[in-house]
Structures are given as C-alpha cells and as structure tokens.
Amino acid sequence: MSKGLERIVRDVKERGPAIAEMAALGRFVRGIDVGGIDLPPLPDEEITPGSYHRDILTLEPLEVVLLSWPPGVASAVHHHDGFAGHVLVLDGQLENIAYTIKDGVMTDRMHMLAGPGGVVPEPDGIIHVLRNPDRMDWARTLHFYFPALTDLDGMRIFDLSNGTIATLNSSAKAASFSEPESSFSKLEKEAFRFVPFERMPQARSHRIRPVVPKPTSERIIDMVRAYYEEQAERYDDADARDPIRTNYTEGVNALIAEALAKSERMEAMLALACGTGRRASDIRQASGRDYALWGVDLSGAMADIATERGIHAINARWTEAEVPRDHFDACTILYAFGHVPDAALREAWLRKVHDALRPGGRLFLDAFDLNDRHEWGPRARKAYHDLDLGDQGYELGDVFYVRSGGTHPAFLHYFEEDGLRDLLERCGFAVERIRHVGYVHCAGEVLPPDEPGMLFVEAVRH
C-alpha cells in the first residue's frame, strides 16, 4: 500500500465510528487531497474480461477499497441494500448512472461525471452503475462503505439488455455479469424492462448531468463551445420543433422589438451570444427599425451562420472580442448569461457591455430563475445540498446538462432575482424592470410578479 493510501486508512481508523454515517463520511472524503496520493502500480494479476479489480485496504471501522477500472469497463447495474458510502476519484474519470424501477420498468434518472478529486455519494437503496467512460486510460477510485462488505453475497445486479436480475454469492469478486456462473446464487429472467429516459412519457429535451468537481472556467467555456458546435446546423430546426422554446423566444423577441420601436435613437445593436443570428434578425425586422447589427458568439459554426444572415458576427469570447466603446444603442444577452461559468466572469461580462453601450443604451437580458418550480431551479438547489456540491466548487444555481441524444455537456447558472438586480446595479446599470415570462408554464406570456418564470431584464447604462 502506498504512503498516501496508508495515511487515509490511518485517518479512517483514528476517526472510527464517528464517520460511519453519510454526512460525516462525505465531509471526510471531500476533504482528502488527491494530489498528495501516490498511487500503487496498476494490478498485474489477471482481471476477468469486462470487469475491474478490487483491493480491500481495510474493513475496520468501515470498508476502504481501491478499485482499478480498465478503459471502458463498468460494473453491472447493482443495488445497495443495507450499505452506503462515497466514492473518491483518484485518477481518470468515473461516470455514475442512477436508476429507478417501478411497475417492472427501469429507467435512468441521474447521470453524474466525476474527475480527480470528485466525490460520488452512494446512499443506501440506490440502484446504479459505475463505469470508466474513457476508452484509452484506466481509472482509479477509492470507495468508503459502511457497514463493511466482507463479500458481495446477496447483492443484486441487473442486465438492462434482457431484464435479468442476478443475485451474487460470496465467491463473486466484482459486481459484474462477467463473473463465472459459480458466482451467482439466483437468476431471474425477464424480471423487468429497461426504457431509456428520453423515451419515457413527458421526457424533457435536456437532462441534468452533474460534473464534479466543478471544472475550471476555461474548461466550462470549452464545454459550452463544443455543445453549440455540435448542434449549430440543426439548432434553428430543433427550436422550431419545440413549441415551448418557440413560444418563449417569440414572446421575448416581441417585448424587445416593441421597446426598440419606441427608442428615440436606434443606430446599432449588439447581440451577445448571437448564435445563428436568427433571433437578432427577427427582432430587428419586428421592430421596424433599420439599424446595424453586430453579434459575438463563442461558436465559430454559429457565428458563420449569423454572418450568412448579414450580421457583423465576431467569433470570440465576449471578454476578448474587439468592439467599439460607447457605440451601441442596445444589447441583447438571450439564452446565454447563464452559460457564463462563474460570478467573477459574469461581472466582467456586464462591465464590458456597459462600456460598449453609449450612455443611456439599453440592455435586454433573460435568465433562468432558481425559484421557478416549473424549471430546473428547485432541482438545482436540491442537488446542491444533497450532493454537497458547494464543497466541490459549485455556486448555488450551477447546473451541468446535456441535450437528450447529445454527447457534449453544457453549463447553466440559475439566478435569484435580487442577486441579479444587485449585480447589474454594481456594474453601472439602472434596472428599469424585471418581468417574469413563462417558459415551461405559459411559454412566452408575461406573468404576474408573484408567478415564477424566466427573469426578463430591461436595464439602462448610467
């Protein structure tokens, strides 16, 4: 055993039963510095093809076990019945997928991706699978379980392809269908049916996928760029097929166009995160004003489409884009401000917008509301507390997600109205009003002030 692992085992023994419960154990595991752990060599003993290697480090006062995952290998979907714990990623990546089963139908409900230093909770009762998503490199993970499992006797595993539920016996070395027949005490054929989340009734077009620890801002920017590059060519068509998004965007576009139509001066507008330029072009046409239209977008593919629409589109990060100061009569940040990865960068964005607008220039911005019960906000708040994401670099309101059927995760931050107002005023804007606009509920409609919805901001540069 390496010195770093010896130190962890010693700390576990010193703390004893005090950490043999989820909250205390979670705090202990999240406090481990993986950078100070020298890992032992990869196992040289033969591993059952398609399986992983377990090296039990201690069973007292709880189980600490080092797992080594060959590229692409996963556990079986398995059930924690009577034991719980946390998993610390030491090297590589680990994906955790949790499932629910009801009335004979199993579906995936939560996907979570962890990198070095990331901690995955495994509460009692969870049905889940752990896998190394990397097809090239090994992953190493350290697992902490209570009560300790001396063996896998009685653990149930699930085969999603054929609905088989198998019960392992004490000779099993891993929670895997790759184990020999002698490792199973019971097999139940066609015991359930697996239906992927995206095929479930009323499934949403996107799903939450936590990433721990929170990646650096640079990495998040790259993730957002890849997310939009992946769908640039079909983005407008996908929007058009989604009645919720269509009604919402058209409703907000109309509010902006109405305000611009009444503006005394309207010579130039800046569309930040302009995407394909469709919305900026539609707003200009609906306003009846003939103004110059600039756009900035992180995605080169998106910016190219905007250019084809006649927009002066710049492919750059907003903080690095070269635009004139004191020039624009209006600026829009639509469907985008939540993609900015942290509080400091959000403030930098708004300060640069302030400088680009002429005095009296108008800012139109929409943002997702953390308190909107019709949206992900309450779920983001719950995940923040349930997964202790604040200890893994998250700000309250941070969410990672993927489009159903997509591969690239993106980032979104949910806001609270008072905090958003304070931020704008701190950056030199007078907030004229913040209206609530329906998104999932009453899409595109301006809602009463006490009804939660998207936060639609109209502000003026001081």
Protein backbone atom coordinates (compact mmCIF):
# COMPACT_ATOMS: atom_id res chain seq x y z
CA MET A 1 0.00 0.00 0.00
CA SER A 2 1.34 3.45 -0.89
CA LYS A 3 2.08 6.01 1.83
CA GLY A 4 -0.79 8.23 0.73
CA LEU A 5 -3.29 5.38 0.99
CA GLU A 6 -1.76 4.28 4.31
CA ARG A 7 -2.36 7.78 5.66
CA ILE A 8 -6.02 7.69 4.59
CA VAL A 9 -6.55 4.27 6.20
CA ARG A 10 -4.90 5.53 9.39
CA ASP A 11 -7.17 8.58 9.43
CA VAL A 12 -10.22 6.35 8.97
CA LYS A 13 -9.19 4.17 11.91
CA GLU A 14 -8.49 7.20 14.11
CA ARG A 15 -11.93 8.68 13.46
CA GLY A 16 -13.61 5.35 13.99
CA PRO A 17 -17.41 5.03 14.09
CA ALA A 18 -17.81 8.83 14.09
CA ILE A 19 -17.56 8.84 10.28
CA ALA A 20 -19.68 5.74 9.73
CA GLU A 21 -22.67 7.79 8.53
CA MET A 22 -23.29 9.57 5.22
CA ALA A 23 -22.86 13.22 6.19
CA ALA A 24 -19.73 12.81 8.31
CA LEU A 25 -18.14 10.37 5.87
CA GLY A 26 -18.90 12.71 2.98
CA ARG A 27 -17.14 15.62 4.71
CA PHE A 28 -14.15 13.39 5.43
CA VAL A 29 -13.87 12.10 1.85
CA ARG A 30 -14.32 15.54 0.26
CA GLY A 31 -11.50 16.80 2.48
CA ILE A 32 -8.95 14.38 1.01
CA ASP A 33 -6.35 15.97 -1.27
CA VAL A 34 -5.94 13.52 -4.14
CA GLY A 35 -2.86 15.41 -5.32
CA GLY A 36 -0.97 14.07 -2.31
CA ILE A 37 -1.71 10.41 -3.01
CA ASP A 38 0.95 8.31 -4.73
CA LEU A 39 -0.95 5.53 -6.42
CA PRO A 40 0.35 1.96 -6.46
CA PRO A 41 1.10 0.35 -9.83
CA LEU A 42 -1.83 -0.97 -11.83
CA PRO A 43 -2.74 -4.55 -10.89
CA ASP A 44 -0.65 -7.16 -12.66
CA GLU A 45 -2.92 -10.08 -11.81
CA GLU A 46 -5.40 -11.28 -14.41
CA ILE A 47 -8.74 -9.45 -14.37
CA THR A 48 -11.89 -11.11 -15.70
CA PRO A 49 -12.51 -9.55 -19.15
CA GLY A 50 -15.05 -6.76 -18.88
CA SER A 51 -14.57 -6.43 -15.12
CA TYR A 52 -12.49 -4.37 -12.69
CA HIS A 53 -10.05 -5.03 -9.83
CA ARG A 54 -10.88 -4.62 -6.11
CA ASP A 55 -8.17 -4.20 -3.48
CA ILE A 56 -9.60 -4.03 0.06
CA LEU A 57 -7.42 -1.76 2.21
CA THR A 58 -9.33 -2.12 5.48
CA LEU A 59 -12.64 -3.40 6.84
CA GLU A 60 -12.47 -1.62 10.21
CA PRO A 61 -14.23 0.58 11.25
CA LEU A 62 -15.61 0.73 7.71
CA GLU A 63 -14.57 -0.62 4.33
CA VAL A 64 -11.99 1.22 2.25
CA VAL A 65 -11.38 -0.41 -1.13
CA LEU A 66 -9.28 0.68 -4.10
CA LEU A 67 -10.83 -0.08 -7.48
CA SER A 68 -8.90 -0.12 -10.75
CA TRP A 69 -11.01 0.25 -13.90
CA PRO A 70 -9.65 -0.76 -17.32
CA PRO A 71 -10.65 1.54 -20.21
CA GLY A 72 -14.38 1.45 -20.92
CA VAL A 73 -15.19 -1.04 -18.17
CA ALA A 74 -18.30 -0.75 -15.99
CA SER A 75 -19.79 -2.51 -13.02
CA ALA A 76 -23.15 -4.13 -13.52
CA VAL A 77 -26.17 -2.09 -12.54
CA HIS A 78 -26.39 -3.05 -8.87
CA HIS A 79 -28.47 -2.37 -5.77
CA HIS A 80 -27.13 -1.03 -2.48
CA ASP A 81 -29.25 -2.84 0.09
CA GLY A 82 -28.18 -2.17 3.67
CA PHE A 83 -24.93 -0.34 2.95
CA ALA A 84 -23.89 3.12 1.77
CA GLY A 85 -20.84 5.27 1.21
CA HIS A 86 -18.89 7.63 -1.02
CA VAL A 87 -16.51 7.18 -3.97
CA LEU A 88 -13.44 9.39 -4.44
CA VAL A 89 -11.90 9.56 -7.91
CA LEU A 90 -8.11 9.42 -7.68
CA ASP A 91 -7.21 9.27 -11.36
CA GLY A 92 -9.13 9.26 -14.63
CA GLN A 93 -12.90 9.63 -14.81
CA LEU A 94 -15.88 7.81 -13.36
CA GLU A 95 -19.47 8.00 -14.55
CA ASN A 96 -22.29 7.23 -12.14
CA ILE A 97 -25.76 6.47 -13.52
CA ALA A 98 -28.62 6.03 -11.06
CA TYR A 99 -31.82 4.18 -11.95
CA THR A 100 -35.36 3.83 -10.68
CA ILE A 101 -37.61 0.82 -11.14
CA LYS A 102 -41.39 1.00 -10.88
CA ASP A 103 -44.09 -1.39 -12.06
CA GLY A 104 -41.48 -3.54 -13.79
CA VAL A 105 -39.97 -0.64 -15.78
CA MET A 106 -36.45 0.62 -15.09
CA THR A 107 -35.14 3.95 -16.36
CA ASP A 108 -32.02 6.03 -15.85
CA ARG A 109 -32.72 9.14 -13.75
CA MET A 110 -29.37 10.77 -12.92
CA HIS A 111 -26.04 10.82 -14.74
CA MET A 112 -23.00 12.17 -12.89
CA LEU A 113 -19.42 12.51 -14.12
CA ALA A 114 -16.51 12.71 -11.67
CA GLY A 115 -12.87 13.54 -12.31
CA PRO A 116 -9.86 13.54 -9.94
CA GLY A 117 -10.98 14.86 -6.56
CA GLY A 118 -14.66 14.37 -7.40
CA VAL A 119 -16.83 12.57 -4.86
CA VAL A 120 -19.86 10.45 -5.79
CA PRO A 121 -22.34 9.64 -2.99
CA GLU A 122 -23.80 6.13 -2.89
CA PRO A 123 -26.75 6.21 -0.48
CA ASP A 124 -28.39 3.08 0.84
CA GLY A 125 -31.09 1.91 -1.57
CA ILE A 126 -29.52 3.32 -4.73
CA ILE A 127 -29.60 1.28 -7.94
CA HIS A 128 -26.72 2.42 -10.11
CA VAL A 129 -23.81 1.62 -12.36
CA LEU A 130 -20.25 2.91 -12.18
CA ARG A 131 -18.11 2.96 -15.29
CA ASN A 132 -14.89 4.30 -16.70
CA PRO A 133 -16.07 6.32 -19.73
CA ASP A 134 -12.55 6.70 -21.12
CA ARG A 135 -11.74 4.26 -23.93
CA MET A 136 -7.98 4.79 -23.63
CA ASP A 137 -6.97 5.24 -19.98
CA TRP A 138 -7.52 3.44 -16.70
CA ALA A 139 -9.41 4.99 -13.79
CA ARG A 140 -8.58 4.56 -10.09
CA THR A 141 -11.20 5.14 -7.41
CA LEU A 142 -11.27 4.84 -3.63
CA HIS A 143 -14.53 3.60 -2.10
CA PHE A 144 -15.66 4.07 1.50
CA TYR A 145 -18.57 1.86 2.65
CA PHE A 146 -20.39 1.25 5.90
CA PRO A 147 -21.08 -1.28 7.18
CA ALA A 148 -18.09 -3.02 5.62
CA LEU A 149 -18.80 -5.63 2.96
CA THR A 150 -16.69 -8.71 3.63
CA ASP A 151 -18.01 -10.10 0.34
CA LEU A 152 -20.73 -9.44 -2.26
CA ASP A 153 -23.08 -12.16 -1.04
CA GLY A 154 -26.72 -11.17 -1.65
CA MET A 155 -26.03 -8.18 -3.91
CA ARG A 156 -28.48 -7.94 -6.81
CA ILE A 157 -27.29 -6.90 -10.27
CA PHE A 158 -29.39 -6.03 -13.32
CA ASP A 159 -28.89 -6.71 -17.03
CA LEU A 160 -30.57 -3.89 -18.93
CA SER A 161 -30.38 -5.71 -22.26
CA ASN A 162 -32.61 -8.64 -21.29
CA GLY A 163 -34.23 -7.78 -17.95
CA THR A 164 -32.31 -10.37 -15.92
CA ILE A 165 -31.79 -9.85 -12.18
CA ALA A 166 -28.93 -11.90 -10.73
CA THR A 167 -28.01 -12.37 -7.08
CA LEU A 168 -24.31 -12.75 -6.30
CA ASN A 169 -22.85 -15.12 -3.74
CA SER A 170 -19.79 -14.86 -1.51
CA SER A 171 -17.41 -16.12 -4.21
CA ALA A 172 -18.06 -13.14 -6.53
CA LYS A 173 -15.08 -10.82 -6.91
CA ALA A 174 -16.95 -7.97 -8.63
CA ALA A 175 -20.49 -6.71 -9.24
CA SER A 176 -20.41 -7.88 -12.84
CA PHE A 177 -22.15 -10.27 -15.20
CA SER A 178 -18.63 -11.18 -16.35
CA GLU A 179 -18.31 -13.32 -13.21
CA PRO A 180 -18.41 -17.12 -13.71
CA GLU A 181 -21.71 -18.96 -13.18
CA SER A 182 -20.46 -20.20 -9.81
CA SER A 183 -20.59 -16.59 -8.52
CA PHE A 184 -24.40 -16.40 -8.76
CA SER A 185 -26.93 -17.83 -6.31
CA LYS A 186 -30.05 -16.82 -8.25
CA LEU A 187 -31.09 -15.70 -11.75
CA GLU A 188 -34.47 -14.11 -12.56
CA LYS A 189 -35.14 -13.91 -16.30
CA GLU A 190 -37.25 -11.12 -17.87
CA ALA A 191 -37.86 -9.58 -14.44
CA PHE A 192 -38.06 -6.01 -15.72
CA ARG A 193 -37.96 -3.87 -18.86
CA PHE A 194 -35.47 -1.01 -19.38
CA VAL A 195 -36.72 2.20 -21.03
CA PRO A 196 -34.14 5.00 -21.52
CA PHE A 197 -35.10 8.34 -20.00
CA GLU A 198 -35.50 10.07 -23.36
CA ARG A 199 -38.15 7.52 -24.36
CA MET A 200 -40.20 7.95 -21.22
CA PRO A 201 -43.53 9.79 -21.48
CA GLN A 202 -43.16 13.56 -20.98
CA ALA A 203 -39.36 13.36 -21.10
CA ARG A 204 -37.71 16.77 -21.47
CA SER A 205 -35.36 17.65 -24.34
CA HIS A 206 -32.48 18.17 -21.90
CA ARG A 207 -31.36 16.48 -18.70
CA ILE A 208 -29.21 17.43 -15.71
CA ARG A 209 -25.77 15.81 -15.56
CA PRO A 210 -23.62 16.96 -12.59
CA VAL A 211 -19.86 17.14 -13.12
CA VAL A 212 -17.62 17.01 -10.03
CA PRO A 213 -15.53 18.71 -9.00
CA LYS A 214 -16.77 21.77 -10.89
CA PRO A 215 -14.42 22.17 -13.87
CA THR A 216 -12.33 25.29 -14.29
CA SER A 217 -13.92 28.25 -16.04
CA GLU A 218 -11.66 27.60 -19.05
CA ARG A 219 -12.90 24.03 -19.26
CA ILE A 220 -16.55 25.10 -18.94
CA ILE A 221 -16.14 27.61 -21.76
CA ASP A 222 -14.73 24.82 -23.93
CA MET A 223 -17.68 22.59 -22.98
CA VAL A 224 -20.22 25.25 -23.92
CA ARG A 225 -18.45 25.86 -27.23
CA ALA A 226 -18.47 22.13 -28.05
CA TYR A 227 -22.14 21.86 -27.06
CA TYR A 228 -23.17 24.53 -29.56
CA GLU A 229 -20.73 23.46 -32.27
CA GLU A 230 -22.35 20.01 -32.13
CA GLN A 231 -25.81 21.37 -32.90
CA ALA A 232 -25.16 24.55 -34.91
CA GLU A 233 -26.50 23.20 -38.21
CA ARG A 234 -29.72 21.88 -36.68
CA TYR A 235 -30.20 24.44 -33.91
CA ASP A 236 -32.86 26.55 -35.63
CA ASP A 237 -34.79 23.48 -36.78
CA ALA A 238 -34.70 21.99 -33.27
CA ASP A 239 -36.05 25.23 -31.85
CA ALA A 240 -38.82 25.33 -34.43
CA ARG A 241 -39.92 21.81 -33.50
CA ASP A 242 -40.11 22.65 -29.79
CA PRO A 243 -43.34 24.58 -29.11
CA ILE A 244 -42.20 25.64 -25.64
CA ARG A 245 -38.98 27.20 -26.90
CA THR A 246 -40.73 28.69 -29.94
CA ASN A 247 -43.44 30.36 -27.87
CA TYR A 248 -40.93 31.59 -25.32
CA THR A 249 -38.43 33.06 -27.79
CA GLU A 250 -41.14 34.68 -29.88
CA GLY A 251 -42.68 36.20 -26.76
CA VAL A 252 -39.39 37.71 -25.58
CA ASN A 253 -38.48 38.82 -29.10
CA ALA A 254 -41.77 40.74 -29.26
CA LEU A 255 -41.07 42.51 -25.96
CA ILE A 256 -37.64 43.63 -27.18
CA ALA A 257 -38.90 44.67 -30.63
CA GLU A 258 -41.64 46.76 -29.03
CA ALA A 259 -39.11 48.56 -26.82
CA LEU A 260 -36.73 49.21 -29.74
CA ALA A 261 -39.57 50.54 -31.89
CA LYS A 262 -40.16 53.22 -29.26
CA SER A 263 -36.48 54.16 -28.83
CA GLU A 264 -35.57 57.70 -29.86
CA ARG A 265 -32.24 56.56 -31.26
CA MET A 266 -31.56 53.15 -32.73
CA GLU A 267 -28.48 53.03 -34.96
CA ALA A 268 -26.60 49.93 -33.77
CA MET A 269 -27.37 46.86 -31.67
CA LEU A 270 -25.05 44.23 -30.23
CA ALA A 271 -26.33 40.65 -29.89
CA LEU A 272 -24.11 38.87 -27.37
CA ALA A 273 -24.02 35.10 -27.81
CA CYS A 274 -25.88 35.73 -31.07
CA GLY A 275 -25.88 32.07 -32.08
CA THR A 276 -27.17 31.64 -35.62
CA GLY A 277 -28.40 35.24 -35.62
CA ARG A 278 -31.99 34.17 -36.20
CA ARG A 279 -33.41 35.88 -33.13
CA ALA A 280 -31.43 39.09 -33.63
CA SER A 281 -32.64 39.30 -37.24
CA ASP A 282 -36.24 38.58 -36.24
CA ILE A 283 -36.14 41.28 -33.56
CA ARG A 284 -34.80 43.86 -35.99
CA GLN A 285 -37.48 43.05 -38.55
CA ALA A 286 -40.27 43.14 -35.95
CA SER A 287 -39.05 46.48 -34.56
CA GLY A 288 -39.39 48.20 -37.93
CA ARG A 289 -36.05 49.91 -37.33
CA ASP A 290 -33.11 49.76 -39.75
CA TYR A 291 -30.05 49.56 -37.51
CA ALA A 292 -26.61 48.00 -37.82
CA LEU A 293 -26.49 44.58 -36.21
CA TRP A 294 -23.35 43.20 -34.58
CA GLY A 295 -23.01 39.78 -32.99
CA VAL A 296 -20.46 37.92 -30.89
CA ASP A 297 -20.50 34.17 -30.40
CA LEU A 298 -18.18 31.58 -28.89
CA SER A 299 -19.04 29.01 -31.57
CA GLY A 300 -17.42 29.50 -34.94
CA ALA A 301 -20.11 27.41 -36.63
CA MET A 302 -22.85 29.55 -35.09
CA ALA A 303 -21.07 32.80 -36.00
CA ASP A 304 -20.70 31.64 -39.61
CA ILE A 305 -24.46 31.13 -39.90
CA ALA A 306 -25.06 34.56 -38.35
CA THR A 307 -22.70 36.09 -40.92
CA GLU A 308 -24.73 34.49 -43.71
CA ARG A 309 -27.75 36.34 -42.28
CA GLY A 310 -25.99 39.66 -42.80
CA ILE A 311 -24.88 40.18 -39.20
CA HIS A 312 -21.41 41.53 -38.44
CA ALA A 313 -20.60 38.42 -36.40
CA ILE A 314 -17.40 38.03 -34.40
CA ASN A 315 -16.27 34.56 -33.33
CA ALA A 316 -14.66 35.16 -29.94
CA ARG A 317 -15.15 35.08 -26.21
CA TRP A 318 -17.01 38.21 -25.23
CA THR A 319 -14.26 39.32 -22.85
CA GLU A 320 -11.76 39.14 -25.73
CA ALA A 321 -13.94 40.45 -28.58
CA GLU A 322 -12.90 43.76 -30.13
CA VAL A 323 -15.92 46.04 -30.26
CA PRO A 324 -16.12 49.85 -30.12
CA ARG A 325 -16.77 51.61 -26.81
CA ASP A 326 -19.76 53.90 -26.19
CA HIS A 327 -21.19 52.79 -29.54
CA PHE A 328 -24.29 50.60 -29.26
CA ASP A 329 -27.81 51.79 -28.58
CA ALA A 330 -28.91 48.38 -27.33
CA CYS A 331 -27.51 44.99 -26.39
CA THR A 332 -29.22 41.63 -26.01
CA ILE A 333 -27.99 38.64 -23.98
CA LEU A 334 -30.59 35.98 -24.67
CA TYR A 335 -30.48 32.36 -23.55
CA ALA A 336 -26.82 32.89 -22.73
CA PHE A 337 -25.97 34.72 -19.50
CA GLY A 338 -26.40 31.51 -17.52
CA HIS A 339 -23.64 29.89 -19.60
CA VAL A 340 -21.06 32.23 -18.04
CA PRO A 341 -19.21 29.90 -15.65
CA ASP A 342 -18.63 31.93 -12.50
CA ALA A 343 -19.60 35.07 -10.62
CA ALA A 344 -16.39 36.97 -11.39
CA LEU A 345 -16.71 36.37 -15.12
CA ARG A 346 -20.39 37.34 -15.11
CA GLU A 347 -19.42 40.67 -13.60
CA ALA A 348 -16.67 41.11 -16.20
CA TRP A 349 -19.22 40.44 -18.96
CA LEU A 350 -21.59 43.12 -17.71
CA ARG A 351 -18.85 45.69 -17.19
CA LYS A 352 -17.73 45.23 -20.79
CA VAL A 353 -21.34 45.50 -22.00
CA HIS A 354 -21.60 48.74 -20.03
CA ASP A 355 -18.53 50.10 -21.82
CA ALA A 356 -19.81 49.03 -25.26
CA LEU A 357 -23.17 50.77 -24.82
CA ARG A 358 -23.49 54.51 -25.21
CA PRO A 359 -24.78 56.38 -22.13
CA GLY A 360 -28.48 55.66 -21.99
CA GLY A 361 -28.08 52.50 -24.06
CA ARG A 362 -30.42 49.64 -23.20
CA LEU A 363 -29.66 46.08 -22.12
CA PHE A 364 -32.14 43.23 -22.58
CA LEU A 365 -31.21 40.04 -20.74
CA ASP A 366 -33.02 36.88 -19.75
CA ALA A 367 -32.01 34.37 -17.12
CA PHE A 368 -33.35 31.20 -15.55
CA ASP A 369 -34.91 31.65 -12.11
CA LEU A 370 -33.61 29.46 -9.29
CA ASN A 371 -37.04 29.61 -7.66
CA ASP A 372 -39.10 28.66 -10.73
CA ARG A 373 -40.92 25.49 -9.70
CA HIS A 374 -41.68 24.73 -13.35
CA GLU A 375 -37.98 24.59 -14.26
CA TRP A 376 -34.73 23.03 -13.02
CA GLY A 377 -34.10 25.71 -10.39
CA PRO A 378 -35.52 23.83 -7.38
CA ARG A 379 -33.81 20.64 -8.57
CA ALA A 380 -30.52 22.54 -8.87
CA ARG A 381 -30.96 23.79 -5.31
CA LYS A 382 -31.75 20.27 -4.07
CA ALA A 383 -28.77 18.74 -5.89
CA TYR A 384 -26.52 21.47 -4.47
CA HIS A 385 -27.46 20.44 -0.93
CA ASP A 386 -27.97 16.68 -1.42
CA LEU A 387 -24.67 16.18 -3.26
CA ASP A 388 -22.78 18.77 -1.16
CA LEU A 389 -21.76 20.49 -4.39
CA GLY A 390 -20.62 23.61 -2.55
CA ASP A 391 -17.68 21.53 -1.31
CA GLN A 392 -16.89 20.60 -4.92
CA GLY A 393 -16.58 24.13 -6.32
CA TYR A 394 -20.21 24.86 -7.22
CA GLU A 395 -22.09 28.10 -6.74
CA LEU A 396 -25.73 27.73 -5.73
CA GLY A 397 -27.63 27.59 -9.02
CA ASP A 398 -24.95 25.85 -11.11
CA VAL A 399 -26.17 23.03 -13.37
CA PHE A 400 -24.49 20.86 -15.99
CA TYR A 401 -26.77 19.26 -18.57
CA VAL A 402 -26.90 17.51 -21.93
CA ARG A 403 -29.43 17.59 -24.74
CA SER A 404 -31.16 14.20 -25.00
CA GLY A 405 -29.26 12.21 -27.59
CA GLY A 406 -26.29 14.60 -27.40
CA THR A 407 -22.82 13.86 -26.08
CA HIS A 408 -21.42 17.24 -25.03
CA PRO A 409 -22.45 18.62 -21.63
CA ALA A 410 -23.12 22.32 -21.17
CA PHE A 411 -23.30 24.59 -18.14
CA LEU A 412 -26.11 26.79 -16.89
CA HIS A 413 -26.42 29.03 -13.86
CA TYR A 414 -29.80 29.77 -12.28
CA PHE A 415 -30.26 33.21 -10.71
CA GLU A 416 -32.21 34.72 -7.88
CA GLU A 417 -33.91 37.97 -8.81
CA ASP A 418 -32.45 40.12 -6.05
CA GLY A 419 -28.93 38.87 -6.74
CA LEU A 420 -29.26 39.57 -10.46
CA ARG A 421 -30.54 43.08 -9.79
CA ASP A 422 -27.66 43.79 -7.40
CA LEU A 423 -25.13 42.53 -9.96
CA LEU A 424 -26.49 44.78 -12.72
CA GLU A 425 -26.52 47.84 -10.48
CA ARG A 426 -22.97 47.10 -9.31
CA CYS A 427 -21.89 47.07 -12.97
CA GLY A 428 -23.33 50.51 -13.74
CA PHE A 429 -26.88 49.74 -14.88
CA ALA A 430 -30.19 51.10 -13.72
CA VAL A 431 -32.69 48.25 -13.74
CA GLU A 432 -35.94 49.57 -15.17
CA ARG A 433 -37.86 46.38 -14.55
CA ILE A 434 -37.60 42.63 -14.28
CA ARG A 435 -40.59 40.79 -15.68
CA HIS A 436 -41.43 37.12 -15.30
CA VAL A 437 -42.01 35.36 -18.62
CA GLY A 438 -43.36 31.83 -18.80
CA TYR A 439 -41.06 29.16 -20.18
CA VAL A 440 -42.33 25.65 -19.46
CA HIS A 441 -45.50 27.08 -17.91
CA CYS A 442 -47.40 29.62 -20.07
CA ALA A 443 -44.49 29.84 -22.51
CA GLY A 444 -43.91 33.35 -23.83
CA GLU A 445 -46.55 35.01 -21.65
CA VAL A 446 -45.75 37.86 -19.26
CA LEU A 447 -46.73 36.52 -15.85
CA PRO A 448 -47.89 38.26 -12.67
CA PRO A 449 -44.99 39.34 -10.41
CA ASP A 450 -45.73 36.58 -7.90
CA GLU A 451 -45.72 33.84 -10.56
CA PRO A 452 -42.24 32.37 -11.22
CA GLY A 453 -40.84 32.28 -14.73
CA MET A 454 -37.81 33.34 -16.72
CA LEU A 455 -36.33 36.63 -15.49
CA PHE A 456 -36.53 39.17 -18.31
CA VAL A 457 -34.46 42.26 -17.51
CA GLU A 458 -34.62 45.70 -19.06
CA ALA A 459 -31.79 47.95 -17.87
CA VAL A 460 -30.16 51.22 -18.93
CA ARG A 461 -26.50 52.18 -18.81
CA HIS A 462 -25.83 55.03 -16.40
